[in-house]
Amino acid sequence: MNQNLKATLSDVQFAILDFIYKNLGGNEWTGTYGELCNTIKEKLNCYDAKLDTILIPNALELLIKEDKITLYKYIDIKPVYYKLGQDLNKFLSIGQFRIRLEAEALKAYEERNKNQFRNLGSPAANQVVRDTITHLSPILTLDVSRPEFAQMCIRILEEFVRVGVRNYQDSSYLRDPAQKYIKEHLGDERKRCETDFYQPFLRTELQRDEFLAGKIVAGAVLSGGITDILTIYQIPIETKVIYSDDKGEDSTLVAKGVGQDTQYASLSRVAFLSVLDLRPRNTIADLSNIQNDVKVIPVLQKEGNHDVKVVRVQHICGYGVPSEVRR
């Protein structure tokens, strides 16, 4: 078994435990194997066929072997328990079964949950999240009494990167709707793409995350202005749109919104800037990738040595047909 597969198995194991603890309060799960697979795929944001055939059965077997779960079903009102060495696929394939969590599962879950990164469906996406959080760690670890502060930053970043991954995978998710909005709105209405399209889209995506749900507000007053999105712990999230006809050097466009975000971050020292980039990308030099789409911009301040870090995540929506990309 290669190292990547081990990591994936670990992710699947955690997803199973996480679902039962968070969604069911630690109570037993009951359902069919197909229902379990659909749930785990959704949690991992991964729809690889190997999950059904290899990874989920292997993860269940490892959890049983490590005394973390018990697998059983009722046949003729009598409980029938799965034992290691039996045909697991046969056991899972017929009717409903139950997963009961054991004491060892809680220990493993709490340990893994301390600083949990999720699988975003791309090794490069997973890596850029870890690299970015490492860059932010001097601020995230300032106050150990606020463990949720670091976890919130991780989840916000993961959600923005997840949006980027899905945008590359499926043009109908963000790219096509964004282009449709621009085509259907002219003049001043077109310039409201940020407030009328992009901000509502991002708020909806953030609220889908069970950790962030209920902790996101829109239009909150802070540091003399009104933020686009604000979380508890005063973490500001600003949005910007770079239109196809925006002029200026790349460095100027990249800096768009950084000053505003920095002022809002006077209490958190961390801010997020999410950018919808609609400029045409039709040459090799103009193309990007998910790791280049995330930048940490340190903003020095003359009042002292403690800078603000603005995490800028761009969502590229100006791609055309790949065969037409020029050198």
C-alpha atoms as a PDB file:
ATOM      1  CA  MET A   1       0.000   0.000   0.000  1.00  0.00           C
ATOM      2  CA  ASN A   2       1.541   3.333  -0.998  1.00  0.00           C
ATOM      3  CA  GLN A   3       1.771   6.362   1.279  1.00  0.00           C
ATOM      4  CA  ASN A   4      -0.951   8.300  -0.574  1.00  0.00           C
ATOM      5  CA  LEU A   5      -3.435   5.468  -0.128  1.00  0.00           C
ATOM      6  CA  LYS A   6      -2.675   5.339   3.600  1.00  0.00           C
ATOM      7  CA  ALA A   7      -3.431   9.039   3.880  1.00  0.00           C
ATOM      8  CA  THR A   8      -6.680   8.575   1.983  1.00  0.00           C
ATOM      9  CA  LEU A   9      -7.722   5.673   4.206  1.00  0.00           C
ATOM     10  CA  SER A  10      -7.063   7.879   7.212  1.00  0.00           C
ATOM     11  CA  ASP A  11      -9.296  10.577   5.698  1.00  0.00           C
ATOM     12  CA  VAL A  12     -12.089   8.050   5.089  1.00  0.00           C
ATOM     13  CA  GLN A  13     -11.833   6.671   8.619  1.00  0.00           C
ATOM     14  CA  PHE A  14     -12.092  10.165  10.052  1.00  0.00           C
ATOM     15  CA  ALA A  15     -15.013  11.053   7.758  1.00  0.00           C
ATOM     16  CA  ILE A  16     -16.972   8.047   9.057  1.00  0.00           C
ATOM     17  CA  LEU A  17     -16.322   8.937  12.700  1.00  0.00           C
ATOM     18  CA  ASP A  18     -16.912  12.640  12.047  1.00  0.00           C
ATOM     19  CA  PHE A  19     -20.292  12.006  10.419  1.00  0.00           C
ATOM     20  CA  ILE A  20     -21.560   9.792  13.243  1.00  0.00           C
ATOM     21  CA  TYR A  21     -20.378  12.133  16.008  1.00  0.00           C
ATOM     22  CA  LYS A  22     -21.417  15.437  14.457  1.00  0.00           C
ATOM     23  CA  ASN A  23     -24.600  14.455  12.658  1.00  0.00           C
ATOM     24  CA  LEU A  24     -25.883  11.719  14.956  1.00  0.00           C
ATOM     25  CA  GLY A  25     -24.445  12.835  18.280  1.00  0.00           C
ATOM     26  CA  GLY A  26     -22.450   9.626  18.571  1.00  0.00           C
ATOM     27  CA  ASN A  27     -25.506   7.417  18.247  1.00  0.00           C
ATOM     28  CA  GLU A  28     -25.517   4.339  16.060  1.00  0.00           C
ATOM     29  CA  TRP A  29     -25.738   4.791  12.318  1.00  0.00           C
ATOM     30  CA  THR A  30     -28.196   2.608  10.396  1.00  0.00           C
ATOM     31  CA  GLY A  31     -28.466   2.360   6.615  1.00  0.00           C
ATOM     32  CA  THR A  32     -27.356   0.637   3.451  1.00  0.00           C
ATOM     33  CA  TYR A  33     -23.840   0.538   2.080  1.00  0.00           C
ATOM     34  CA  GLY A  34     -24.875   2.796  -0.810  1.00  0.00           C
ATOM     35  CA  GLU A  35     -26.173   5.415   1.618  1.00  0.00           C
ATOM     36  CA  LEU A  36     -22.933   5.293   3.605  1.00  0.00           C
ATOM     37  CA  CYS A  37     -20.850   5.696   0.432  1.00  0.00           C
ATOM     38  CA  ASN A  38     -22.855   8.724  -0.712  1.00  0.00           C
ATOM     39  CA  THR A  39     -22.453  10.373   2.687  1.00  0.00           C
ATOM     40  CA  ILE A  40     -18.683   9.834   2.811  1.00  0.00           C
ATOM     41  CA  LYS A  41     -18.206  11.015  -0.777  1.00  0.00           C
ATOM     42  CA  GLU A  42     -20.062  14.224   0.004  1.00  0.00           C
ATOM     43  CA  LYS A  43     -18.044  14.845   3.163  1.00  0.00           C
ATOM     44  CA  LEU A  44     -14.746  14.268   1.340  1.00  0.00           C
ATOM     45  CA  ASN A  45     -15.868  16.161  -1.785  1.00  0.00           C
ATOM     46  CA  CYS A  46     -14.485  13.205  -3.741  1.00  0.00           C
ATOM     47  CA  TYR A  47     -16.420  10.901  -6.055  1.00  0.00           C
ATOM     48  CA  ASP A  48     -13.715   8.444  -7.066  1.00  0.00           C
ATOM     49  CA  ALA A  49     -15.077   4.925  -7.721  1.00  0.00           C
ATOM     50  CA  LYS A  50     -12.275   3.531  -5.525  1.00  0.00           C
ATOM     51  CA  LEU A  51     -14.120   4.858  -2.492  1.00  0.00           C
ATOM     52  CA  ASP A  52     -16.981   2.358  -2.969  1.00  0.00           C
ATOM     53  CA  THR A  53     -14.881  -0.630  -3.952  1.00  0.00           C
ATOM     54  CA  ILE A  54     -11.695  -0.264  -1.912  1.00  0.00           C
ATOM     55  CA  LEU A  55     -11.302   2.664   0.455  1.00  0.00           C
ATOM     56  CA  ILE A  56     -14.537   2.605   2.469  1.00  0.00           C
ATOM     57  CA  PRO A  57     -14.493  -1.204   3.010  1.00  0.00           C
ATOM     58  CA  ASN A  58     -10.802  -1.011   4.005  1.00  0.00           C
ATOM     59  CA  ALA A  59     -11.491   1.919   6.334  1.00  0.00           C
ATOM     60  CA  LEU A  60     -14.342   0.028   8.024  1.00  0.00           C
ATOM     61  CA  GLU A  61     -12.178  -3.061   8.429  1.00  0.00           C
ATOM     62  CA  LEU A  62      -9.354  -1.018   9.996  1.00  0.00           C
ATOM     63  CA  LEU A  63     -11.768   0.670  12.395  1.00  0.00           C
ATOM     64  CA  ILE A  64     -13.083  -2.752  13.447  1.00  0.00           C
ATOM     65  CA  LYS A  65      -9.558  -4.131  13.824  1.00  0.00           C
ATOM     66  CA  GLU A  66      -8.614  -1.157  16.027  1.00  0.00           C
ATOM     67  CA  ASP A  67     -11.721  -1.701  18.230  1.00  0.00           C
ATOM     68  CA  LYS A  68     -13.165   1.672  17.244  1.00  0.00           C
ATOM     69  CA  ILE A  69     -16.449   0.470  15.756  1.00  0.00           C
ATOM     70  CA  THR A  70     -18.722  -2.562  15.833  1.00  0.00           C
ATOM     71  CA  LEU A  71     -20.530  -3.590  12.662  1.00  0.00           C
ATOM     72  CA  TYR A  72     -23.728  -5.597  12.907  1.00  0.00           C
ATOM     73  CA  LYS A  73     -27.227  -6.088  11.489  1.00  0.00           C
ATOM     74  CA  TYR A  74     -30.483  -7.685  12.537  1.00  0.00           C
ATOM     75  CA  ILE A  75     -31.608 -10.877  10.805  1.00  0.00           C
ATOM     76  CA  ASP A  76     -34.919 -12.314  11.998  1.00  0.00           C
ATOM     77  CA  ILE A  77     -34.817  -9.887  14.967  1.00  0.00           C
ATOM     78  CA  LYS A  78     -31.464 -11.317  16.094  1.00  0.00           C
ATOM     79  CA  PRO A  79     -28.239  -9.247  15.999  1.00  0.00           C
ATOM     80  CA  VAL A  80     -25.559 -10.690  13.700  1.00  0.00           C
ATOM     81  CA  TYR A  81     -22.074  -9.242  14.207  1.00  0.00           C
ATOM     82  CA  TYR A  82     -19.381  -8.933  11.564  1.00  0.00           C
ATOM     83  CA  LYS A  83     -16.133 -10.638  12.590  1.00  0.00           C
ATOM     84  CA  LEU A  84     -12.719 -10.090  11.046  1.00  0.00           C
ATOM     85  CA  GLY A  85     -12.019 -12.736   8.422  1.00  0.00           C
ATOM     86  CA  GLN A  86     -15.583 -12.886   7.172  1.00  0.00           C
ATOM     87  CA  ASP A  87     -16.538 -11.625   3.703  1.00  0.00           C
ATOM     88  CA  LEU A  88     -17.056  -7.917   4.447  1.00  0.00           C
ATOM     89  CA  ASN A  89     -18.362  -7.045   0.972  1.00  0.00           C
ATOM     90  CA  LYS A  90     -21.071  -9.702   1.275  1.00  0.00           C
ATOM     91  CA  PHE A  91     -22.001  -8.448   4.753  1.00  0.00           C
ATOM     92  CA  LEU A  92     -22.299  -4.855   3.486  1.00  0.00           C
ATOM     93  CA  SER A  93     -24.132  -5.620   0.264  1.00  0.00           C
ATOM     94  CA  ILE A  94     -27.269  -7.209   1.725  1.00  0.00           C
ATOM     95  CA  GLY A  95     -29.813  -4.933   3.389  1.00  0.00           C
ATOM     96  CA  GLN A  96     -29.199  -2.437   6.159  1.00  0.00           C
ATOM     97  CA  PHE A  97     -26.453  -2.655   8.758  1.00  0.00           C
ATOM     98  CA  ARG A  98     -25.447  -0.672  11.827  1.00  0.00           C
ATOM     99  CA  ILE A  99     -22.248   1.050  12.959  1.00  0.00           C
ATOM    100  CA  ARG A 100     -21.759   1.434  16.694  1.00  0.00           C
ATOM    101  CA  LEU A 101     -18.903   3.605  17.948  1.00  0.00           C
ATOM    102  CA  GLU A 102     -16.690   2.287  20.728  1.00  0.00           C
ATOM    103  CA  ALA A 103     -14.625   4.183  23.339  1.00  0.00           C
ATOM    104  CA  GLU A 104     -11.439   3.996  21.251  1.00  0.00           C
ATOM    105  CA  ALA A 105     -13.248   5.810  18.440  1.00  0.00           C
ATOM    106  CA  LEU A 106     -13.856   8.864  20.612  1.00  0.00           C
ATOM    107  CA  LYS A 107     -10.160   9.074  21.547  1.00  0.00           C
ATOM    108  CA  ALA A 108      -9.075   8.794  17.913  1.00  0.00           C
ATOM    109  CA  TYR A 109     -11.695  11.293  16.767  1.00  0.00           C
ATOM    110  CA  GLU A 110     -10.745  13.950  19.333  1.00  0.00           C
ATOM    111  CA  GLU A 111      -7.037  13.569  18.575  1.00  0.00           C
ATOM    112  CA  ARG A 112      -7.512  13.906  14.828  1.00  0.00           C
ATOM    113  CA  ASN A 113     -10.039  16.726  15.199  1.00  0.00           C
ATOM    114  CA  LYS A 114      -7.592  19.008  17.035  1.00  0.00           C
ATOM    115  CA  ASN A 115      -6.051  20.272  13.837  1.00  0.00           C
ATOM    116  CA  GLN A 116      -7.986  18.595  11.075  1.00  0.00           C
ATOM    117  CA  PHE A 117      -7.419  19.308   7.432  1.00  0.00           C
ATOM    118  CA  ARG A 118      -9.911  17.908   4.952  1.00  0.00           C
ATOM    119  CA  ASN A 119      -9.268  16.251   1.630  1.00  0.00           C
ATOM    120  CA  LEU A 120     -10.201  18.809  -1.030  1.00  0.00           C
ATOM    121  CA  GLY A 121     -10.007  16.375  -3.932  1.00  0.00           C
ATOM    122  CA  SER A 122      -6.598  17.525  -5.173  1.00  0.00           C
ATOM    123  CA  PRO A 123      -3.115  16.928  -3.696  1.00  0.00           C
ATOM    124  CA  ALA A 124      -2.054  20.425  -4.802  1.00  0.00           C
ATOM    125  CA  ALA A 125      -5.121  21.960  -3.123  1.00  0.00           C
ATOM    126  CA  ASN A 126      -4.468  20.029   0.095  1.00  0.00           C
ATOM    127  CA  GLN A 127      -0.845  21.184   0.091  1.00  0.00           C
ATOM    128  CA  VAL A 128      -1.566  24.878  -0.474  1.00  0.00           C
ATOM    129  CA  VAL A 129      -3.938  24.875   2.518  1.00  0.00           C
ATOM    130  CA  ARG A 130      -1.276  23.322   4.756  1.00  0.00           C
ATOM    131  CA  ASP A 131       1.431  25.700   3.485  1.00  0.00           C
ATOM    132  CA  THR A 132      -0.791  28.730   3.988  1.00  0.00           C
ATOM    133  CA  ILE A 133      -1.817  27.766   7.520  1.00  0.00           C
ATOM    134  CA  THR A 134       1.862  27.201   8.388  1.00  0.00           C
ATOM    135  CA  HIS A 135       2.527  30.744   7.159  1.00  0.00           C
ATOM    136  CA  LEU A 136      -0.242  32.052   9.435  1.00  0.00           C
ATOM    137  CA  SER A 137       0.662  29.930  12.464  1.00  0.00           C
ATOM    138  CA  PRO A 138       2.459  32.700  14.450  1.00  0.00           C
ATOM    139  CA  ILE A 139      -0.875  34.558  14.584  1.00  0.00           C
ATOM    140  CA  LEU A 140      -3.160  31.533  14.846  1.00  0.00           C
ATOM    141  CA  THR A 141      -1.343  30.263  17.950  1.00  0.00           C
ATOM    142  CA  LEU A 142      -1.240  33.588  19.815  1.00  0.00           C
ATOM    143  CA  ASP A 143      -4.066  32.652  22.179  1.00  0.00           C
ATOM    144  CA  VAL A 144      -4.477  28.991  23.110  1.00  0.00           C
ATOM    145  CA  SER A 145      -7.751  29.868  24.851  1.00  0.00           C
ATOM    146  CA  ARG A 146      -9.304  30.404  21.389  1.00  0.00           C
ATOM    147  CA  PRO A 147      -8.789  27.078  19.575  1.00  0.00           C
ATOM    148  CA  GLU A 148     -11.750  27.844  17.318  1.00  0.00           C
ATOM    149  CA  PHE A 149      -9.940  30.879  15.892  1.00  0.00           C
ATOM    150  CA  ALA A 150      -7.369  28.699  14.129  1.00  0.00           C
ATOM    151  CA  GLN A 151      -9.977  26.145  13.081  1.00  0.00           C
ATOM    152  CA  MET A 152     -12.157  28.898  11.637  1.00  0.00           C
ATOM    153  CA  CYS A 153      -9.274  30.230   9.533  1.00  0.00           C
ATOM    154  CA  ILE A 154      -8.573  26.706   8.295  1.00  0.00           C
ATOM    155  CA  ARG A 155     -12.211  26.132   7.336  1.00  0.00           C
ATOM    156  CA  ILE A 156     -12.581  29.492   5.551  1.00  0.00           C
ATOM    157  CA  LEU A 157      -9.433  28.811   3.551  1.00  0.00           C
ATOM    158  CA  GLU A 158     -10.499  25.246   2.778  1.00  0.00           C
ATOM    159  CA  GLU A 159     -13.887  26.430   1.540  1.00  0.00           C
ATOM    160  CA  PHE A 160     -12.359  29.080  -0.735  1.00  0.00           C
ATOM    161  CA  VAL A 161      -9.854  26.577  -2.122  1.00  0.00           C
ATOM    162  CA  ARG A 162     -12.615  23.977  -2.534  1.00  0.00           C
ATOM    163  CA  VAL A 163     -14.554  26.519  -4.605  1.00  0.00           C
ATOM    164  CA  GLY A 164     -11.422  26.949  -6.740  1.00  0.00           C
ATOM    165  CA  VAL A 165     -11.013  23.206  -7.219  1.00  0.00           C
ATOM    166  CA  ARG A 166     -14.619  22.728  -8.251  1.00  0.00           C
ATOM    167  CA  ASN A 167     -14.455  25.759 -10.535  1.00  0.00           C
ATOM    168  CA  TYR A 168     -11.579  24.122 -12.431  1.00  0.00           C
ATOM    169  CA  GLN A 169     -13.421  20.796 -12.509  1.00  0.00           C
ATOM    170  CA  ASP A 170     -16.851  22.034 -13.573  1.00  0.00           C
ATOM    171  CA  SER A 171     -17.457  25.255 -15.515  1.00  0.00           C
ATOM    172  CA  SER A 172     -21.195  25.154 -14.696  1.00  0.00           C
ATOM    173  CA  TYR A 173     -20.441  25.632 -10.980  1.00  0.00           C
ATOM    174  CA  LEU A 174     -19.042  29.197 -10.966  1.00  0.00           C
ATOM    175  CA  ARG A 175     -17.442  30.157 -14.281  1.00  0.00           C
ATOM    176  CA  ASP A 176     -20.542  29.861 -16.482  1.00  0.00           C
ATOM    177  CA  PRO A 177     -22.938  31.565 -14.003  1.00  0.00           C
ATOM    178  CA  ALA A 178     -20.454  34.434 -13.549  1.00  0.00           C
ATOM    179  CA  GLN A 179     -20.113  34.927 -17.295  1.00  0.00           C
ATOM    180  CA  LYS A 180     -23.896  34.672 -17.663  1.00  0.00           C
ATOM    181  CA  TYR A 181     -24.387  37.427 -15.076  1.00  0.00           C
ATOM    182  CA  ILE A 182     -21.986  39.727 -16.961  1.00  0.00           C
ATOM    183  CA  LYS A 183     -23.710  39.106 -20.305  1.00  0.00           C
ATOM    184  CA  GLU A 184     -27.171  39.750 -18.876  1.00  0.00           C
ATOM    185  CA  HIS A 185     -26.299  42.986 -17.057  1.00  0.00           C
ATOM    186  CA  LEU A 186     -25.099  46.190 -18.658  1.00  0.00           C
ATOM    187  CA  GLY A 187     -23.732  49.490 -17.383  1.00  0.00           C
ATOM    188  CA  ASP A 188     -23.877  50.059 -13.635  1.00  0.00           C
ATOM    189  CA  GLU A 189     -25.734  46.777 -13.070  1.00  0.00           C
ATOM    190  CA  ARG A 190     -22.762  44.899 -14.481  1.00  0.00           C
ATOM    191  CA  LYS A 191     -20.527  46.489 -11.862  1.00  0.00           C
ATOM    192  CA  ARG A 192     -22.775  45.032  -9.150  1.00  0.00           C
ATOM    193  CA  CYS A 193     -21.488  41.546  -9.919  1.00  0.00           C
ATOM    194  CA  GLU A 194     -19.561  41.669  -6.639  1.00  0.00           C
ATOM    195  CA  THR A 195     -22.534  42.461  -4.396  1.00  0.00           C
ATOM    196  CA  ASP A 196     -25.367  40.826  -6.338  1.00  0.00           C
ATOM    197  CA  PHE A 197     -23.649  37.641  -7.527  1.00  0.00           C
ATOM    198  CA  TYR A 198     -20.244  36.874  -5.986  1.00  0.00           C
ATOM    199  CA  GLN A 199     -20.891  37.752  -2.342  1.00  0.00           C
ATOM    200  CA  PRO A 200     -24.180  35.785  -2.089  1.00  0.00           C
ATOM    201  CA  PHE A 201     -22.491  32.845  -3.832  1.00  0.00           C
ATOM    202  CA  LEU A 202     -19.609  32.789  -1.319  1.00  0.00           C
ATOM    203  CA  ARG A 203     -21.855  33.236   1.723  1.00  0.00           C
ATOM    204  CA  THR A 204     -23.946  30.277   0.604  1.00  0.00           C
ATOM    205  CA  GLU A 205     -20.848  28.125   0.130  1.00  0.00           C
ATOM    206  CA  LEU A 206     -19.434  29.087   3.529  1.00  0.00           C
ATOM    207  CA  GLN A 207     -22.736  28.388   5.271  1.00  0.00           C
ATOM    208  CA  ARG A 208     -22.765  24.856   3.833  1.00  0.00           C
ATOM    209  CA  ASP A 209     -19.873  23.996   6.131  1.00  0.00           C
ATOM    210  CA  GLU A 210     -21.242  22.659   9.423  1.00  0.00           C
ATOM    211  CA  PHE A 211     -18.461  24.363  11.424  1.00  0.00           C
ATOM    212  CA  LEU A 212     -18.951  27.804   9.828  1.00  0.00           C
ATOM    213  CA  ALA A 213     -22.758  27.715   9.614  1.00  0.00           C
ATOM    214  CA  GLY A 214     -24.249  30.351  11.898  1.00  0.00           C
ATOM    215  CA  LYS A 215     -20.888  32.045  12.440  1.00  0.00           C
ATOM    216  CA  ILE A 216     -20.953  34.146   9.258  1.00  0.00           C
ATOM    217  CA  VAL A 217     -22.672  37.518   8.962  1.00  0.00           C
ATOM    218  CA  ALA A 218     -22.921  39.982   6.083  1.00  0.00           C
ATOM    219  CA  GLY A 219     -22.423  43.730   6.208  1.00  0.00           C
ATOM    220  CA  ALA A 220     -21.053  44.067   9.750  1.00  0.00           C
ATOM    221  CA  VAL A 221     -19.640  47.375  11.021  1.00  0.00           C
ATOM    222  CA  LEU A 222     -15.937  47.179  11.877  1.00  0.00           C
ATOM    223  CA  SER A 223     -12.991  49.604  11.997  1.00  0.00           C
ATOM    224  CA  GLY A 224     -14.921  52.505  10.525  1.00  0.00           C
ATOM    225  CA  GLY A 225     -16.461  50.610   7.615  1.00  0.00           C
ATOM    226  CA  ILE A 226     -18.803  47.787   6.697  1.00  0.00           C
ATOM    227  CA  THR A 227     -17.278  44.429   5.869  1.00  0.00           C
ATOM    228  CA  ASP A 228     -18.562  42.223   3.070  1.00  0.00           C
ATOM    229  CA  ILE A 229     -18.570  39.164   5.345  1.00  0.00           C
ATOM    230  CA  LEU A 230     -17.515  38.864   8.989  1.00  0.00           C
ATOM    231  CA  THR A 231     -17.081  35.832  11.239  1.00  0.00           C
ATOM    232  CA  ILE A 232     -16.956  35.567  14.999  1.00  0.00           C
ATOM    233  CA  TYR A 233     -13.492  36.479  16.321  1.00  0.00           C
ATOM    234  CA  GLN A 234     -13.669  39.511  13.976  1.00  0.00           C
ATOM    235  CA  ILE A 235     -12.133  37.749  10.983  1.00  0.00           C
ATOM    236  CA  PRO A 236     -13.043  39.875   7.924  1.00  0.00           C
ATOM    237  CA  ILE A 237     -13.693  38.465   4.468  1.00  0.00           C
ATOM    238  CA  GLU A 238     -13.669  40.903   1.560  1.00  0.00           C
ATOM    239  CA  THR A 239     -14.628  40.164  -2.023  1.00  0.00           C
ATOM    240  CA  LYS A 240     -13.495  41.811  -5.225  1.00  0.00           C
ATOM    241  CA  VAL A 241     -14.204  41.313  -8.925  1.00  0.00           C
ATOM    242  CA  ILE A 242     -11.625  41.943 -11.639  1.00  0.00           C
ATOM    243  CA  TYR A 243     -13.589  42.583 -14.827  1.00  0.00           C
ATOM    244  CA  SER A 244     -12.481  41.612 -18.308  1.00  0.00           C
ATOM    245  CA  ASP A 245     -11.876  45.260 -19.281  1.00  0.00           C
ATOM    246  CA  ASP A 246     -10.112  46.353 -16.073  1.00  0.00           C
ATOM    247  CA  LYS A 247      -6.852  48.087 -16.936  1.00  0.00           C
ATOM    248  CA  GLY A 248      -3.669  48.210 -14.917  1.00  0.00           C
ATOM    249  CA  GLU A 249      -0.546  46.294 -14.061  1.00  0.00           C
ATOM    250  CA  ASP A 250      -0.997  42.824 -12.604  1.00  0.00           C
ATOM    251  CA  SER A 251       0.571  43.993  -9.345  1.00  0.00           C
ATOM    252  CA  THR A 252      -2.051  46.765  -9.072  1.00  0.00           C
ATOM    253  CA  LEU A 253      -4.955  44.408  -9.736  1.00  0.00           C
ATOM    254  CA  VAL A 254      -3.609  41.821  -7.294  1.00  0.00           C
ATOM    255  CA  ALA A 255      -3.466  44.504  -4.602  1.00  0.00           C
ATOM    256  CA  LYS A 256      -7.107  45.462  -5.163  1.00  0.00           C
ATOM    257  CA  GLY A 257      -8.905  45.251  -1.819  1.00  0.00           C
ATOM    258  CA  VAL A 258      -5.806  44.553   0.285  1.00  0.00           C
ATOM    259  CA  GLY A 259      -5.797  47.978   1.993  1.00  0.00           C
ATOM    260  CA  GLN A 260      -9.490  47.775   2.855  1.00  0.00           C
ATOM    261  CA  ASP A 261      -9.095  44.259   4.247  1.00  0.00           C
ATOM    262  CA  THR A 262      -6.073  45.318   6.292  1.00  0.00           C
ATOM    263  CA  GLN A 263      -8.041  48.047   8.064  1.00  0.00           C
ATOM    264  CA  TYR A 264     -10.797  45.576   8.934  1.00  0.00           C
ATOM    265  CA  ALA A 265      -8.184  43.181  10.400  1.00  0.00           C
ATOM    266  CA  SER A 266      -7.176  45.544  13.195  1.00  0.00           C
ATOM    267  CA  LEU A 267      -8.339  43.000  15.817  1.00  0.00           C
ATOM    268  CA  SER A 268      -7.696  39.651  14.125  1.00  0.00           C
ATOM    269  CA  ARG A 269      -4.456  40.418  12.191  1.00  0.00           C
ATOM    270  CA  VAL A 270      -5.738  37.867   9.661  1.00  0.00           C
ATOM    271  CA  ALA A 271      -8.071  38.714   6.797  1.00  0.00           C
ATOM    272  CA  PHE A 272      -9.355  36.876   3.728  1.00  0.00           C
ATOM    273  CA  LEU A 273      -9.728  38.393   0.284  1.00  0.00           C
ATOM    274  CA  SER A 274     -11.657  36.365  -2.284  1.00  0.00           C
ATOM    275  CA  VAL A 275     -11.318  37.557  -5.882  1.00  0.00           C
ATOM    276  CA  LEU A 276     -13.449  36.661  -8.891  1.00  0.00           C
ATOM    277  CA  ASP A 277     -11.132  37.150 -11.885  1.00  0.00           C
ATOM    278  CA  LEU A 278     -13.029  37.517 -15.165  1.00  0.00           C
ATOM    279  CA  ARG A 279     -10.085  38.535 -17.354  1.00  0.00           C
ATOM    280  CA  PRO A 280      -9.569  36.365 -20.465  1.00  0.00           C
ATOM    281  CA  ARG A 281      -6.822  33.782 -19.965  1.00  0.00           C
ATOM    282  CA  ASN A 282      -5.884  32.698 -23.470  1.00  0.00           C
ATOM    283  CA  THR A 283      -2.072  32.491 -23.391  1.00  0.00           C
ATOM    284  CA  ILE A 284       0.149  30.018 -21.554  1.00  0.00           C
ATOM    285  CA  ALA A 285       1.594  32.784 -19.391  1.00  0.00           C
ATOM    286  CA  ASP A 286      -1.924  33.826 -18.297  1.00  0.00           C
ATOM    287  CA  LEU A 287      -2.908  30.372 -17.026  1.00  0.00           C
ATOM    288  CA  SER A 288      -2.871  29.561 -13.333  1.00  0.00           C
ATOM    289  CA  ASN A 289      -3.208  26.540 -11.030  1.00  0.00           C
ATOM    290  CA  ILE A 290      -4.752  25.984  -7.634  1.00  0.00           C
ATOM    291  CA  GLN A 291      -1.477  26.513  -5.726  1.00  0.00           C
ATOM    292  CA  ASN A 292      -0.771  29.799  -7.500  1.00  0.00           C
ATOM    293  CA  ASP A 293      -4.330  30.935  -6.779  1.00  0.00           C
ATOM    294  CA  VAL A 294      -3.553  31.414  -3.068  1.00  0.00           C
ATOM    295  CA  LYS A 295      -1.194  34.086  -1.769  1.00  0.00           C
ATOM    296  CA  VAL A 296      -0.432  35.358   1.721  1.00  0.00           C
ATOM    297  CA  ILE A 297       0.210  39.100   1.510  1.00  0.00           C
ATOM    298  CA  PRO A 298       2.017  40.461   4.590  1.00  0.00           C
ATOM    299  CA  VAL A 299       1.159  44.098   5.259  1.00  0.00           C
ATOM    300  CA  LEU A 300       3.720  45.936   7.372  1.00  0.00           C
ATOM    301  CA  GLN A 301       2.607  48.835   9.538  1.00  0.00           C
ATOM    302  CA  LYS A 302       4.824  51.677  10.730  1.00  0.00           C
ATOM    303  CA  GLU A 303       3.347  51.587  14.249  1.00  0.00           C
ATOM    304  CA  GLY A 304       5.181  48.360  15.116  1.00  0.00           C
ATOM    305  CA  ASN A 305       6.574  44.990  14.079  1.00  0.00           C
ATOM    306  CA  HIS A 306       3.291  43.092  14.032  1.00  0.00           C
ATOM    307  CA  ASP A 307       2.010  42.844  10.490  1.00  0.00           C
ATOM    308  CA  VAL A 308      -1.412  41.892   9.127  1.00  0.00           C
ATOM    309  CA  LYS A 309      -1.627  38.896   6.843  1.00  0.00           C
ATOM    310  CA  VAL A 310      -4.173  39.040   4.038  1.00  0.00           C
ATOM    311  CA  VAL A 311      -4.916  35.641   2.475  1.00  0.00           C
ATOM    312  CA  ARG A 312      -5.869  36.282  -1.138  1.00  0.00           C
ATOM    313  CA  VAL A 313      -7.661  33.483  -3.007  1.00  0.00           C
ATOM    314  CA  GLN A 314      -8.572  33.990  -6.654  1.00  0.00           C
ATOM    315  CA  HIS A 315     -11.264  32.173  -8.610  1.00  0.00           C
ATOM    316  CA  ILE A 316     -10.364  32.224 -12.299  1.00  0.00           C
ATOM    317  CA  CYS A 317     -13.409  32.545 -14.555  1.00  0.00           C
ATOM    318  CA  GLY A 318     -11.846  33.774 -17.799  1.00  0.00           C
ATOM    319  CA  TYR A 319     -10.736  30.448 -19.243  1.00  0.00           C
ATOM    320  CA  GLY A 320     -11.799  29.585 -22.768  1.00  0.00           C
ATOM    321  CA  VAL A 321     -11.369  26.463 -24.906  1.00  0.00           C
ATOM    322  CA  PRO A 322      -8.049  24.706 -24.008  1.00  0.00           C
ATOM    323  CA  SER A 323      -7.193  24.020 -27.643  1.00  0.00           C
ATOM    324  CA  GLU A 324      -7.174  27.762 -28.323  1.00  0.00           C
ATOM    325  CA  VAL A 325      -4.563  28.674 -25.710  1.00  0.00           C
ATOM    326  CA  ARG A 326      -1.638  30.464 -27.376  1.00  0.00           C
ATOM    327  CA  ARG A 327       2.021  30.578 -26.458  1.00  0.00           C
END
